[in-house]
Amino acid sequence: MADWLEHTVQVEVAVSIEEVWSLWSDLEQMPRWMKWIDSVEVLAENPELSRWKLASGGFQFSWLSRIIQVVPEQIIQWESVDGLPNRGAIRFYDRHGSSIVKLSVAYDIPGILGKLMDDLFLGRIVESTIQADMERFREYALRASKKS
């Protein structure tokens, strides 16, 4: 039985929903604001699939992810199809001039990590990291908005 952990974080971004959607839906740009994500490559032969690489300290993981739902300016939902087991959704809420961006991610703890640390400790690390990623996204979106 899988030992899944799930986290949900959100930020408000003083940028239009169209701009926020445009930035977030360009998956290959994610390493610009996601600290642990080394790279994202959308597969040319099937744009619903993308190869992700995560690296932190001595750990490195990769996985193939499939987009399972897209509603423009509302939601992108995914699940991994190989590699590091994970799934989640990014939701967008229009606040007429600003946007709420809400990220939910669930993952199966890799065996070696599960042996090294308890779920609560690992969960706090992951949640604080993805909250910091969302804060970096807010700053990234604000800078991009000022350029356009």
Protein backbone atom coordinates (compact mmCIF):
# COMPACT_ATOMS: atom_id res chain seq x y z
CA MET A 1 0.00 0.00 0.00
CA ALA A 2 1.35 3.39 -0.97
CA ASP A 3 2.20 5.96 1.69
CA TRP A 4 0.98 9.14 -0.01
CA LEU A 5 1.45 12.62 1.39
CA GLU A 6 -0.57 15.57 0.08
CA HIS A 7 -0.04 19.32 0.39
CA THR A 8 -1.99 22.36 -0.76
CA VAL A 9 -0.59 25.90 -0.84
CA GLN A 10 -1.75 29.09 -2.51
CA VAL A 11 -0.72 32.65 -3.26
CA GLU A 12 -2.48 35.72 -4.50
CA VAL A 13 -0.75 37.34 -7.47
CA ALA A 14 -1.49 40.93 -8.49
CA VAL A 15 -1.56 39.90 -12.15
CA SER A 16 -4.49 39.08 -14.45
CA ILE A 17 -5.69 35.50 -14.75
CA GLU A 18 -4.67 35.48 -18.44
CA GLU A 19 -1.05 36.35 -17.61
CA VAL A 20 -0.84 33.92 -14.68
CA TRP A 21 -2.28 31.14 -16.85
CA SER A 22 0.13 31.89 -19.68
CA LEU A 23 3.17 31.71 -17.38
CA TRP A 24 2.13 28.59 -15.48
CA SER A 25 0.96 26.61 -18.50
CA ASP A 26 4.44 26.91 -20.06
CA LEU A 27 5.72 23.89 -18.12
CA GLU A 28 9.31 24.16 -19.33
CA GLN A 29 9.65 27.49 -17.45
CA MET A 30 8.91 25.90 -14.04
CA PRO A 31 12.57 25.58 -12.97
CA ARG A 32 12.66 29.40 -12.92
CA TRP A 33 10.56 29.42 -9.75
CA MET A 34 10.50 25.82 -8.49
CA LYS A 35 13.64 25.29 -6.42
CA TRP A 36 13.88 21.49 -6.61
CA ILE A 37 12.88 21.15 -10.26
CA ASP A 38 15.99 20.82 -12.41
CA SER A 39 14.21 20.58 -15.74
CA VAL A 40 10.89 19.97 -17.48
CA GLU A 41 10.74 18.79 -21.08
CA VAL A 42 7.41 18.62 -22.89
CA LEU A 43 7.60 15.71 -25.33
CA ALA A 44 7.29 16.86 -28.94
CA GLU A 45 5.63 13.61 -30.03
CA ASN A 46 2.94 13.93 -27.32
CA PRO A 47 2.50 17.37 -25.67
CA GLU A 48 0.32 15.84 -22.92
CA LEU A 49 3.48 14.15 -21.61
CA SER A 50 6.44 15.82 -19.95
CA ARG A 51 9.68 14.54 -18.41
CA TRP A 52 10.49 16.09 -15.01
CA LYS A 53 13.79 16.01 -13.10
CA LEU A 54 13.98 16.87 -9.42
CA ALA A 55 17.27 17.31 -7.58
CA SER A 56 17.98 18.29 -3.99
CA GLY A 57 21.15 17.59 -2.08
CA GLY A 58 22.22 14.06 -2.94
CA PHE A 59 18.79 13.00 -4.17
CA GLN A 60 17.72 12.96 -7.79
CA PHE A 61 14.42 11.70 -9.17
CA SER A 62 12.71 11.84 -12.53
CA TRP A 63 9.27 10.98 -13.78
CA LEU A 64 7.05 11.14 -16.81
CA SER A 65 3.90 13.14 -16.17
CA ARG A 66 0.64 13.16 -18.11
CA ILE A 67 -1.79 16.07 -18.18
CA ILE A 68 -5.19 14.53 -17.44
CA GLN A 69 -7.32 17.69 -17.37
CA VAL A 70 -6.96 21.23 -18.68
CA VAL A 71 -9.59 23.92 -18.37
CA PRO A 72 -7.99 27.17 -19.59
CA GLU A 73 -7.56 29.78 -16.85
CA GLN A 74 -9.04 27.34 -14.29
CA ILE A 75 -7.11 24.08 -13.80
CA ILE A 76 -4.24 21.88 -14.95
CA GLN A 77 -4.35 18.39 -13.44
CA TRP A 78 -1.64 15.76 -13.82
CA GLU A 79 -0.42 12.36 -12.72
CA SER A 80 2.90 10.61 -13.12
CA VAL A 81 2.97 7.59 -15.41
CA ASP A 82 6.46 6.39 -14.47
CA GLY A 83 9.26 7.30 -12.08
CA LEU A 84 8.50 9.23 -8.89
CA PRO A 85 4.78 8.62 -8.13
CA ASN A 86 2.92 11.93 -7.88
CA ARG A 87 -0.30 13.66 -8.88
CA GLY A 88 -1.91 16.99 -8.37
CA ALA A 89 -3.57 20.08 -9.74
CA ILE A 90 -2.92 23.78 -10.11
CA ARG A 91 -6.08 25.87 -9.88
CA PHE A 92 -6.56 29.48 -10.88
CA TYR A 93 -9.17 31.86 -9.47
CA ASP A 94 -9.87 35.20 -11.15
CA ARG A 95 -10.04 38.11 -8.71
CA HIS A 96 -10.53 40.72 -11.48
CA GLY A 97 -7.05 42.20 -11.73
CA SER A 98 -5.39 39.69 -9.46
CA SER A 99 -5.41 35.90 -9.29
CA ILE A 100 -5.35 33.18 -6.67
CA VAL A 101 -3.05 30.31 -7.67
CA LYS A 102 -3.60 27.13 -5.62
CA LEU A 103 -1.28 24.13 -5.95
CA SER A 104 -2.20 20.69 -4.61
CA VAL A 105 0.38 17.94 -4.92
CA ALA A 106 0.42 14.37 -3.63
CA TYR A 107 3.34 11.98 -3.82
CA ASP A 108 4.34 8.53 -2.74
CA ILE A 109 7.33 8.65 -0.41
CA PRO A 110 10.31 6.93 -2.06
CA GLY A 111 11.42 3.97 0.07
CA ILE A 112 14.85 5.37 0.90
CA LEU A 113 13.41 8.69 2.08
CA GLY A 114 10.74 6.95 4.11
CA LYS A 115 13.45 5.06 5.97
CA LEU A 116 15.49 8.24 6.59
CA MET A 117 12.79 10.54 7.95
CA ASP A 118 9.28 10.44 9.29
CA ASP A 119 6.27 11.63 7.29
CA LEU A 120 5.71 14.70 9.46
CA PHE A 121 9.28 15.96 9.05
CA LEU A 122 9.32 15.26 5.30
CA GLY A 123 5.88 16.84 4.94
CA ARG A 124 7.01 20.07 6.61
CA ILE A 125 10.05 20.29 4.33
CA VAL A 126 7.98 19.71 1.20
CA GLU A 127 5.19 22.08 2.21
CA SER A 128 7.56 24.92 3.11
CA THR A 129 9.44 24.34 -0.16
CA ILE A 130 6.35 24.45 -2.37
CA GLN A 131 5.04 27.51 -0.50
CA ALA A 132 8.39 29.23 -1.18
CA ASP A 133 8.09 28.10 -4.84
CA MET A 134 4.67 29.75 -5.02
CA GLU A 135 6.09 32.95 -3.53
CA ARG A 136 8.85 32.86 -6.20
CA PHE A 137 6.15 32.35 -8.85
CA ARG A 138 4.34 35.45 -7.58
CA GLU A 139 7.55 37.50 -7.92
CA TYR A 140 8.25 35.97 -11.35
CA ALA A 141 4.72 36.81 -12.55
CA LEU A 142 4.96 40.38 -11.25
CA ARG A 143 8.28 40.91 -13.06
CA ALA A 144 6.93 39.37 -16.29
CA SER A 145 3.81 41.54 -16.08
CA LYS A 146 5.86 44.73 -15.78
CA LYS A 147 7.83 43.81 -18.92
CA SER A 148 4.73 43.44 -21.07
